């Protein structure tokens, strides 16, 4: 599989209180169409100024 055919997403909080109280999960999806669609949604959010990329990403 190529890098654009899978995507990992989820939330990870390293704060002690969050680790005691929350259930965190990451998901790896190996589906090219899904990965491209999700990437497209994030690209659109960036393009419209609703979110911004962090340096180095």
Protein backbone atom coordinates (compact mmCIF):
# COMPACT_ATOMS: atom_id res chain seq x y z
CA UNK A 1 0.00 0.00 0.00
CA UNK A 2 1.16 3.52 -0.71
CA UNK A 3 1.26 6.27 1.95
CA UNK A 4 -1.90 7.88 0.55
CA UNK A 5 -3.86 4.63 0.80
CA UNK A 6 -4.01 4.55 4.60
CA UNK A 7 -4.66 7.11 7.28
CA UNK A 8 -4.32 7.17 11.05
CA UNK A 9 -6.45 9.44 13.13
CA UNK A 10 -7.51 9.78 16.71
CA UNK A 11 -6.83 11.74 19.85
CA UNK A 12 -4.01 11.30 22.30
CA UNK A 13 -3.78 13.40 25.41
CA UNK A 14 -0.59 13.08 27.47
CA UNK A 15 -2.01 14.95 30.46
CA UNK A 16 -2.18 12.83 33.60
CA UNK A 17 -5.81 13.76 34.36
CA UNK A 18 -6.89 12.85 30.82
CA UNK A 19 -5.12 9.50 30.98
CA UNK A 20 -6.91 8.66 34.25
CA UNK A 21 -10.39 9.73 33.11
CA UNK A 22 -10.59 9.31 29.32
CA UNK A 23 -10.57 6.45 26.91
CA UNK A 24 -8.33 7.38 23.99
CA UNK A 25 -8.18 5.52 20.70
CA UNK A 26 -6.33 5.78 17.44
CA UNK A 27 -7.59 4.18 14.25
CA UNK A 28 -5.62 3.03 11.22
CA UNK A 29 -7.76 2.68 8.09
CA UNK A 30 -6.25 1.02 5.04
CA UNK A 31 -8.66 2.21 2.39
CA UNK A 32 -7.42 4.50 -0.38
CA UNK A 33 -10.80 6.14 -1.08
CA UNK A 34 -11.45 6.83 2.59
CA UNK A 35 -7.93 8.20 3.16
CA UNK A 36 -8.21 10.56 0.20
CA UNK A 37 -11.71 11.72 1.19
CA UNK A 38 -10.65 12.46 4.76
CA UNK A 39 -7.50 14.23 3.59
CA UNK A 40 -9.64 16.30 1.23
CA UNK A 41 -11.88 17.38 4.10
CA UNK A 42 -8.91 18.56 6.15
CA UNK A 43 -7.37 20.30 3.13
CA UNK A 44 -10.66 22.18 2.62
CA UNK A 45 -10.69 23.29 6.27
CA UNK A 46 -7.16 24.65 5.87
CA UNK A 47 -8.04 26.34 2.58
CA UNK A 48 -11.01 28.12 4.17
CA UNK A 49 -8.93 29.27 7.15
CA UNK A 50 -10.90 27.21 9.67
CA UNK A 51 -7.85 25.28 10.86
CA UNK A 52 -4.14 25.69 10.24
CA UNK A 53 -1.30 23.28 9.73
CA UNK A 54 1.25 23.04 12.50
CA UNK A 55 4.87 23.72 11.59
CA UNK A 56 6.57 20.54 10.44
CA UNK A 57 3.40 18.80 9.34
